[in-house]
Structures are given as structure tokens and as C-alpha cells.
N, C-alpha and C. Protein backbone atom coordinates (compact mmCIF):
# COMPACT_ATOMS: atom_id res chain seq x y z
N MET A 1 76.22 84.62 101.23
CA MET A 1 76.99 85.85 101.29
C MET A 1 78.07 85.66 102.34
N SER A 2 79.27 86.07 102.03
CA SER A 2 80.37 85.94 102.99
C SER A 2 80.99 87.30 103.23
N THR A 3 81.57 87.46 104.40
CA THR A 3 82.22 88.70 104.78
C THR A 3 83.65 88.41 105.18
N CYS A 4 84.56 89.21 104.69
CA CYS A 4 85.97 89.09 105.02
C CYS A 4 86.37 90.31 105.84
N LEU A 5 86.76 90.12 107.09
CA LEU A 5 87.20 91.23 107.93
C LEU A 5 88.72 91.22 108.00
N LEU A 6 89.30 92.39 107.88
CA LEU A 6 90.74 92.51 107.93
C LEU A 6 91.15 93.10 109.26
N ASP A 7 92.15 92.54 109.88
CA ASP A 7 92.67 93.12 111.11
C ASP A 7 93.33 94.44 110.78
N THR A 8 93.08 95.43 111.60
CA THR A 8 93.66 96.74 111.36
C THR A 8 94.91 96.91 112.20
N VAL A 9 96.02 97.13 111.52
CA VAL A 9 97.28 97.40 112.20
C VAL A 9 97.82 98.69 111.61
N LEU A 10 97.77 99.74 112.39
CA LEU A 10 98.25 101.03 111.93
C LEU A 10 99.71 101.20 112.32
N PRO A 11 100.47 101.85 111.45
CA PRO A 11 101.85 102.14 111.85
C PRO A 11 101.84 103.15 112.99
N ALA A 12 102.94 103.26 113.68
CA ALA A 12 103.03 104.19 114.81
C ALA A 12 102.73 105.61 114.36
N SER A 13 103.09 105.95 113.14
CA SER A 13 102.78 107.28 112.63
C SER A 13 102.55 107.20 111.13
N LEU A 14 101.79 108.17 110.61
CA LEU A 14 101.53 108.24 109.18
C LEU A 14 102.70 108.96 108.51
N PRO A 15 102.93 108.70 107.23
CA PRO A 15 103.97 109.45 106.52
C PRO A 15 103.68 110.95 106.61
N SER A 16 104.73 111.74 106.66
CA SER A 16 104.55 113.18 106.85
C SER A 16 103.71 113.80 105.75
N ALA A 17 103.64 113.18 104.58
CA ALA A 17 102.82 113.73 103.49
C ALA A 17 101.34 113.71 103.84
N TYR A 18 100.93 112.88 104.81
CA TYR A 18 99.52 112.74 105.15
C TYR A 18 99.13 113.48 106.41
N THR A 19 100.03 114.14 107.02
CA THR A 19 99.71 114.87 108.24
C THR A 19 100.16 116.30 108.11
N ALA A 20 99.51 117.17 108.82
CA ALA A 20 99.91 118.57 108.85
C ALA A 20 100.02 118.97 110.31
N ALA A 21 101.14 119.56 110.67
CA ALA A 21 101.37 119.94 112.05
C ALA A 21 100.27 120.87 112.54
N GLY A 22 99.74 120.57 113.69
CA GLY A 22 98.75 121.45 114.31
C GLY A 22 97.33 121.22 113.83
N ASN A 23 97.09 120.35 112.87
CA ASN A 23 95.74 120.10 112.39
C ASN A 23 95.19 118.84 113.04
N ARG A 24 93.94 118.91 113.45
CA ARG A 24 93.27 117.73 113.98
C ARG A 24 92.64 117.00 112.81
N GLN A 25 93.13 115.80 112.51
CA GLN A 25 92.66 115.06 111.35
C GLN A 25 91.17 114.75 111.44
N GLY A 26 90.67 114.42 112.63
CA GLY A 26 89.26 114.11 112.78
C GLY A 26 88.37 115.27 112.37
N ASP A 27 88.72 116.48 112.77
CA ASP A 27 87.95 117.66 112.41
C ASP A 27 88.03 117.93 110.92
N ARG A 28 89.20 117.75 110.34
CA ARG A 28 89.37 117.99 108.90
C ARG A 28 88.60 116.95 108.10
N ILE A 29 88.58 115.70 108.56
CA ILE A 29 87.83 114.66 107.87
C ILE A 29 86.34 115.00 107.92
N THR A 30 85.83 115.36 109.10
CA THR A 30 84.42 115.70 109.24
C THR A 30 84.05 116.86 108.33
N THR A 31 84.85 117.91 108.31
CA THR A 31 84.59 119.06 107.46
C THR A 31 84.59 118.66 105.99
N SER A 32 85.52 117.82 105.59
CA SER A 32 85.60 117.39 104.20
C SER A 32 84.40 116.56 103.79
N VAL A 33 83.97 115.63 104.65
CA VAL A 33 82.82 114.79 104.34
C VAL A 33 81.55 115.64 104.27
N LEU A 34 81.36 116.55 105.19
CA LEU A 34 80.18 117.43 105.16
C LEU A 34 80.18 118.30 103.91
N SER A 35 81.34 118.71 103.45
CA SER A 35 81.44 119.50 102.23
C SER A 35 81.02 118.68 101.02
N ALA A 36 81.46 117.41 100.96
CA ALA A 36 81.06 116.54 99.85
C ALA A 36 79.57 116.28 99.87
N LEU A 37 78.99 116.07 101.06
CA LEU A 37 77.55 115.83 101.16
C LEU A 37 76.75 117.06 100.77
N SER A 38 77.21 118.26 101.12
CA SER A 38 76.47 119.48 100.80
C SER A 38 76.52 119.79 99.31
N ALA A 39 77.49 119.23 98.58
CA ALA A 39 77.59 119.48 97.14
C ALA A 39 76.61 118.63 96.34
N VAL A 40 75.98 117.66 96.99
CA VAL A 40 75.06 116.77 96.30
C VAL A 40 73.65 117.39 96.33
N GLU A 41 73.04 117.54 95.18
CA GLU A 41 71.70 118.11 95.13
C GLU A 41 70.72 117.17 95.82
N GLY A 42 69.73 117.75 96.48
CA GLY A 42 68.69 116.97 97.12
C GLY A 42 69.12 116.26 98.38
N PHE A 43 70.24 116.63 98.94
CA PHE A 43 70.71 115.98 100.17
C PHE A 43 69.77 116.29 101.31
N ARG A 44 69.26 115.24 101.95
CA ARG A 44 68.43 115.39 103.14
C ARG A 44 68.91 114.39 104.18
N PRO A 45 69.20 114.88 105.38
CA PRO A 45 69.63 113.94 106.41
C PRO A 45 68.52 112.93 106.73
N ALA A 46 68.90 111.69 106.89
CA ALA A 46 67.95 110.65 107.25
C ALA A 46 68.09 110.30 108.72
N ILE A 47 67.06 109.71 109.28
CA ILE A 47 67.14 109.24 110.66
C ILE A 47 68.06 108.03 110.68
N GLU A 48 69.03 108.07 111.55
CA GLU A 48 70.05 107.04 111.60
C GLU A 48 69.90 106.21 112.86
N ARG A 49 69.85 104.89 112.71
CA ARG A 49 69.73 104.00 113.85
C ARG A 49 71.08 103.56 114.39
N ARG A 50 72.10 103.76 113.63
CA ARG A 50 73.42 103.32 114.04
C ARG A 50 74.06 104.30 115.00
N ARG A 51 75.11 103.84 115.63
CA ARG A 51 75.87 104.65 116.56
C ARG A 51 76.44 105.90 115.88
N GLU A 52 76.97 105.72 114.70
CA GLU A 52 77.55 106.82 113.95
C GLU A 52 76.59 107.22 112.83
N SER A 53 76.54 108.49 112.55
CA SER A 53 75.66 109.01 111.51
C SER A 53 76.22 108.68 110.13
N ARG A 54 75.43 107.99 109.32
CA ARG A 54 75.83 107.69 107.95
C ARG A 54 74.77 108.24 107.01
N GLN A 55 75.20 108.67 105.85
CA GLN A 55 74.28 109.21 104.86
C GLN A 55 74.41 108.39 103.58
N PRO A 56 73.28 108.14 102.92
CA PRO A 56 73.39 107.48 101.61
C PRO A 56 74.25 108.35 100.68
N TYR A 57 75.11 107.74 99.91
CA TYR A 57 75.98 108.47 99.00
C TYR A 57 76.15 107.66 97.72
N PRO A 58 75.08 107.57 96.91
CA PRO A 58 75.13 106.73 95.70
C PRO A 58 75.74 107.45 94.50
N TYR A 59 76.96 107.92 94.66
CA TYR A 59 77.62 108.72 93.63
C TYR A 59 78.98 108.13 93.30
N PRO A 60 79.49 108.42 92.11
CA PRO A 60 80.83 107.93 91.75
C PRO A 60 81.90 108.56 92.64
N VAL A 61 82.85 107.75 93.03
CA VAL A 61 83.99 108.19 93.83
C VAL A 61 85.24 107.57 93.19
N HIS A 62 86.27 108.37 93.03
CA HIS A 62 87.52 107.88 92.46
C HIS A 62 88.38 107.28 93.57
N ILE A 63 88.88 106.07 93.32
CA ILE A 63 89.72 105.36 94.27
C ILE A 63 91.12 105.25 93.67
N THR A 64 92.12 105.70 94.42
CA THR A 64 93.51 105.61 93.98
C THR A 64 94.29 104.75 94.97
N PRO A 65 94.76 103.58 94.54
CA PRO A 65 95.55 102.74 95.43
C PRO A 65 96.89 103.41 95.77
N LEU A 66 97.43 103.04 96.92
CA LEU A 66 98.74 103.54 97.34
C LEU A 66 99.78 102.46 97.08
N ALA A 67 100.94 102.88 96.62
CA ALA A 67 102.06 101.97 96.44
C ALA A 67 102.61 101.58 97.81
N GLU A 68 103.52 100.63 97.84
CA GLU A 68 104.10 100.19 99.11
C GLU A 68 104.83 101.32 99.83
N ASP A 69 105.34 102.30 99.07
CA ASP A 69 106.03 103.42 99.70
C ASP A 69 105.06 104.51 100.16
N GLY A 70 103.74 104.28 99.98
CA GLY A 70 102.72 105.23 100.43
C GLY A 70 102.36 106.29 99.41
N GLU A 71 102.99 106.26 98.24
CA GLU A 71 102.68 107.23 97.20
C GLU A 71 101.47 106.78 96.39
N PRO A 72 100.59 107.73 95.98
CA PRO A 72 99.43 107.35 95.17
C PRO A 72 99.86 106.87 93.78
N GLU A 73 99.19 105.84 93.30
CA GLU A 73 99.44 105.30 91.97
C GLU A 73 98.34 105.82 91.04
N LEU A 74 98.53 107.04 90.53
CA LEU A 74 97.52 107.73 89.74
C LEU A 74 97.05 106.90 88.55
N GLN A 75 97.95 106.18 87.89
CA GLN A 75 97.59 105.40 86.71
C GLN A 75 96.64 104.25 87.05
N ARG A 76 96.53 103.89 88.32
CA ARG A 76 95.63 102.79 88.74
C ARG A 76 94.31 103.30 89.31
N THR A 77 94.04 104.59 89.21
CA THR A 77 92.79 105.16 89.72
C THR A 77 91.60 104.57 88.97
N PHE A 78 90.55 104.23 89.71
CA PHE A 78 89.33 103.70 89.12
C PHE A 78 88.13 104.28 89.87
N VAL A 79 86.95 104.08 89.31
CA VAL A 79 85.74 104.66 89.88
C VAL A 79 84.89 103.56 90.50
N VAL A 80 84.35 103.85 91.68
CA VAL A 80 83.41 102.97 92.37
C VAL A 80 82.12 103.75 92.60
N ILE A 81 81.09 103.04 93.02
CA ILE A 81 79.82 103.70 93.35
C ILE A 81 79.65 103.68 94.87
N GLY A 82 79.48 104.86 95.44
CA GLY A 82 79.32 104.98 96.88
C GLY A 82 78.04 104.33 97.38
N LYS A 83 78.06 103.94 98.63
CA LYS A 83 76.88 103.38 99.30
C LYS A 83 76.50 104.27 100.47
N HIS A 84 77.40 104.41 101.44
CA HIS A 84 77.20 105.29 102.60
C HIS A 84 78.47 106.08 102.87
N LEU A 85 78.27 107.28 103.42
CA LEU A 85 79.39 108.16 103.74
C LEU A 85 79.14 108.77 105.11
N SER A 86 80.18 108.80 105.92
CA SER A 86 80.10 109.44 107.23
C SER A 86 81.47 110.01 107.55
N PRO A 87 81.57 110.86 108.56
CA PRO A 87 82.89 111.36 108.96
C PRO A 87 83.82 110.24 109.43
N GLU A 88 83.27 109.12 109.82
CA GLU A 88 84.08 108.00 110.29
C GLU A 88 84.60 107.14 109.15
N GLY A 89 83.84 107.04 108.04
CA GLY A 89 84.28 106.15 106.98
C GLY A 89 83.35 106.15 105.79
N PHE A 90 83.54 105.15 104.93
CA PHE A 90 82.88 105.10 103.64
C PHE A 90 82.71 103.65 103.24
N ASP A 91 81.55 103.30 102.67
CA ASP A 91 81.41 101.99 102.06
C ASP A 91 80.90 102.18 100.65
N PHE A 92 81.24 101.23 99.77
CA PHE A 92 80.99 101.42 98.35
C PHE A 92 80.89 100.08 97.64
N TYR A 93 80.37 100.15 96.41
CA TYR A 93 80.27 98.99 95.54
C TYR A 93 81.40 99.02 94.52
N CYS A 94 81.99 97.85 94.29
CA CYS A 94 83.10 97.74 93.36
C CYS A 94 82.92 96.43 92.58
N PRO A 95 83.24 96.41 91.28
CA PRO A 95 83.04 95.19 90.51
C PRO A 95 84.08 94.10 90.77
N LYS A 96 85.10 94.40 91.59
CA LYS A 96 86.15 93.42 91.86
C LYS A 96 86.60 93.56 93.32
N PRO A 97 87.16 92.49 93.89
CA PRO A 97 87.71 92.63 95.24
C PRO A 97 88.99 93.46 95.18
N LEU A 98 89.29 94.18 96.23
CA LEU A 98 90.47 95.04 96.27
C LEU A 98 91.55 94.41 97.14
N ALA A 99 92.76 94.36 96.61
CA ALA A 99 93.88 93.79 97.34
C ALA A 99 94.54 94.82 98.25
N GLU A 100 94.35 96.11 97.96
CA GLU A 100 95.00 97.16 98.73
C GLU A 100 94.32 97.35 100.09
N ARG A 101 95.11 97.69 101.07
CA ARG A 101 94.58 97.99 102.40
C ARG A 101 94.30 99.47 102.56
N ARG A 102 95.10 100.32 101.88
CA ARG A 102 94.91 101.77 101.96
C ARG A 102 94.79 102.36 100.57
N VAL A 103 93.81 103.23 100.44
CA VAL A 103 93.56 103.92 99.18
C VAL A 103 93.21 105.37 99.48
N ILE A 104 93.23 106.20 98.45
CA ILE A 104 92.72 107.56 98.59
C ILE A 104 91.38 107.60 97.89
N ALA A 105 90.36 108.00 98.64
CA ALA A 105 89.02 108.22 98.07
C ALA A 105 88.92 109.70 97.73
N SER A 106 88.71 110.01 96.44
CA SER A 106 88.59 111.40 96.00
C SER A 106 87.12 111.73 95.81
N LEU A 107 86.63 112.67 96.63
CA LEU A 107 85.23 113.08 96.58
C LEU A 107 85.11 114.42 95.88
N ASP A 108 84.11 114.54 95.03
CA ASP A 108 83.87 115.78 94.31
C ASP A 108 83.04 116.70 95.20
N CYS A 109 83.59 117.84 95.55
CA CYS A 109 82.89 118.81 96.40
C CYS A 109 82.37 119.99 95.58
N GLY A 110 82.03 119.74 94.32
CA GLY A 110 81.46 120.79 93.48
C GLY A 110 82.45 121.90 93.21
N ARG A 111 82.00 123.14 93.41
CA ARG A 111 82.86 124.29 93.15
C ARG A 111 84.08 124.34 94.05
N GLU A 112 84.01 123.66 95.19
CA GLU A 112 85.14 123.64 96.11
C GLU A 112 86.27 122.74 95.64
N GLY A 113 86.00 121.88 94.66
CA GLY A 113 87.03 121.01 94.10
C GLY A 113 87.04 119.62 94.71
N TRP A 114 88.13 118.93 94.50
CA TRP A 114 88.28 117.56 94.99
C TRP A 114 88.86 117.55 96.40
N VAL A 115 88.38 116.61 97.20
CA VAL A 115 88.99 116.36 98.49
C VAL A 115 89.47 114.91 98.49
N GLY A 116 90.65 114.69 99.02
CA GLY A 116 91.20 113.34 99.13
C GLY A 116 91.16 112.89 100.58
N LEU A 117 90.66 111.70 100.80
CA LEU A 117 90.59 111.13 102.14
C LEU A 117 91.29 109.78 102.13
N LEU A 118 92.28 109.64 103.00
CA LEU A 118 92.98 108.37 103.13
C LEU A 118 92.04 107.38 103.81
N LEU A 119 91.77 106.28 103.13
CA LEU A 119 90.80 105.29 103.60
C LEU A 119 91.51 103.98 103.85
N GLU A 120 91.35 103.46 105.07
CA GLU A 120 91.87 102.14 105.39
C GLU A 120 90.73 101.14 105.22
N LEU A 121 90.86 100.27 104.24
CA LEU A 121 89.81 99.29 103.97
C LEU A 121 89.82 98.21 105.05
N ALA A 122 88.63 97.91 105.56
CA ALA A 122 88.54 96.97 106.67
C ALA A 122 87.73 95.72 106.32
N TRP A 123 86.91 95.79 105.30
CA TRP A 123 86.09 94.62 104.98
C TRP A 123 85.70 94.62 103.51
N CYS A 124 85.40 93.42 103.03
CA CYS A 124 84.93 93.20 101.67
C CYS A 124 83.93 92.05 101.71
N ARG A 125 82.79 92.24 101.06
CA ARG A 125 81.74 91.21 101.07
C ARG A 125 81.21 91.05 99.65
N PHE A 126 81.16 89.84 99.15
CA PHE A 126 80.60 89.57 97.84
C PHE A 126 79.08 89.56 97.94
N SER A 127 78.42 90.30 97.07
CA SER A 127 76.95 90.30 97.09
C SER A 127 76.43 89.35 96.02
N ARG A 128 75.22 88.95 96.15
CA ARG A 128 74.65 88.00 95.20
C ARG A 128 74.42 88.62 93.83
N HIS A 129 74.62 89.92 93.70
CA HIS A 129 74.42 90.59 92.42
C HIS A 129 75.70 90.73 91.62
N GLY A 130 76.77 90.10 92.06
CA GLY A 130 78.02 90.12 91.32
C GLY A 130 78.93 91.28 91.65
N TRP A 131 78.58 92.07 92.63
CA TRP A 131 79.41 93.21 93.05
C TRP A 131 80.00 92.90 94.41
N TYR A 132 81.02 93.66 94.76
CA TYR A 132 81.63 93.55 96.08
C TYR A 132 81.29 94.80 96.87
N ASP A 133 80.82 94.61 98.10
CA ASP A 133 80.64 95.72 99.04
C ASP A 133 81.95 95.84 99.79
N ASN A 134 82.51 97.04 99.82
CA ASN A 134 83.77 97.29 100.51
C ASN A 134 83.57 98.44 101.48
N GLY A 135 84.36 98.49 102.51
CA GLY A 135 84.24 99.61 103.43
C GLY A 135 85.46 99.74 104.32
N GLY A 136 85.55 100.92 104.90
CA GLY A 136 86.66 101.17 105.80
C GLY A 136 86.49 102.50 106.51
N ARG A 137 87.54 102.89 107.21
CA ARG A 137 87.47 104.13 107.98
C ARG A 137 88.47 105.14 107.46
N PHE A 138 88.12 106.41 107.62
CA PHE A 138 89.00 107.48 107.19
C PHE A 138 90.11 107.68 108.22
N ILE A 139 91.32 107.93 107.71
CA ILE A 139 92.47 108.14 108.57
C ILE A 139 92.93 109.59 108.54
N ALA A 140 92.92 110.19 107.35
CA ALA A 140 93.45 111.54 107.22
C ALA A 140 92.93 112.21 105.95
N VAL A 141 92.99 113.52 105.94
CA VAL A 141 92.73 114.30 104.72
C VAL A 141 94.06 114.44 104.00
N VAL A 142 94.07 114.13 102.71
CA VAL A 142 95.29 114.20 101.90
C VAL A 142 94.96 114.94 100.60
N ALA A 143 95.96 115.31 99.86
CA ALA A 143 95.74 115.92 98.56
C ALA A 143 95.15 114.88 97.62
N SER A 144 94.09 115.23 96.93
CA SER A 144 93.49 114.31 95.97
C SER A 144 94.38 114.17 94.75
N PRO A 145 94.63 112.94 94.30
CA PRO A 145 95.41 112.76 93.08
C PRO A 145 94.71 113.34 91.85
N LEU A 146 93.42 113.59 91.94
CA LEU A 146 92.67 114.10 90.80
C LEU A 146 92.90 115.58 90.55
N LEU A 147 93.55 116.27 91.46
CA LEU A 147 93.83 117.69 91.27
C LEU A 147 94.62 117.92 89.99
N GLU A 148 95.46 116.96 89.63
CA GLU A 148 96.27 117.08 88.42
C GLU A 148 95.42 116.97 87.15
N LEU A 149 94.24 116.35 87.27
CA LEU A 149 93.44 116.08 86.09
C LEU A 149 92.54 117.23 85.65
N ASP A 150 91.96 117.96 86.60
CA ASP A 150 90.98 118.97 86.18
C ASP A 150 91.28 120.40 86.60
N GLY A 151 92.30 120.60 87.41
CA GLY A 151 92.71 121.95 87.75
C GLY A 151 91.80 122.68 88.73
N ARG A 152 90.74 122.02 89.24
CA ARG A 152 89.90 122.66 90.23
C ARG A 152 90.63 122.70 91.56
N PRO A 153 90.31 123.63 92.44
CA PRO A 153 91.01 123.72 93.72
C PRO A 153 90.65 122.58 94.64
N ARG A 154 91.48 122.37 95.64
CA ARG A 154 91.22 121.37 96.67
C ARG A 154 90.24 121.92 97.67
N ALA A 155 89.30 121.08 98.12
CA ALA A 155 88.35 121.49 99.15
C ALA A 155 89.09 121.67 100.46
N ALA A 156 88.70 122.68 101.25
CA ALA A 156 89.37 122.96 102.51
C ALA A 156 88.88 122.08 103.63
């Protein structure tokens, strides 16, 4: 098994489409992740040994790559299977390695609708089962590209 770690280099600022004046992105990310977790039936917090609290999240998540100009490429959206979810980040299983560094992870929050989280991918590891484990950290809450598909409201 091999692991590929990517150096993280963030721009000095995010595009204005991904930020909202006066909003603390960390708090919005935490609220959005907790909303997605509460929408899953049978959710029970587990005892966590890691520094950051992670919850199992074995559910489909839509991934939308970003173009070089930072705009979502809706036609390239695909589905992955979640592994763990936390306010800090997300890891998931994917049948192929991902070339993109930043993607939008769209989480289904049930009646609250879709929430989009800008995810900076930091690592990819090939597993012996033919899948790739991928993971990264959340940077910001953004509009989910899936809002155009089903008309449900965006999660707050």
C-alpha cells in the first residue's frame, strides 16, 4: 500500500464566490457537517481516539471538480462513497485517483437540502481492494452544484 501526500499551498485569499463577509467559515463548516450527520438515520457518536472527532459516514457523496478559474464543472460531477466525516475534513473511497486538488463535496442534509463544502484534497492511497482512499480538509461552505438538479433548498 502506498500513500501520496500533497503539499498544501493556499492562495492568499479565496475567490469571493466562496466567502461571505462577516461569516466565520469554521463555524459554518461545523454546522453544515453536523447537519449532514444528523440527517443520517441511526447516527450514534463513537468514541474517538484521534485528536479531531471523526464519524463514520458510509454514504454516497457527490464530488464536483473545480475548473482552473475556480468555477464548478457540473458536467464532471461523480459519486464517491464516504468513509469518515468531521468538521475538519472528509475521507472517501473512489474507483480512480483524482487529479484535482480542490473539489466541492455535496452532502445530502435530508429535508434541509444540499450543502456544498469546498474540499482541498491532501492525500490519495491505493488500497489492495482496487479502490483509492482519498481525503482532505474543508476550506469553506459554498453553494452546492446539485441545487440545480433537484430544487431542494440549501442547508444553512
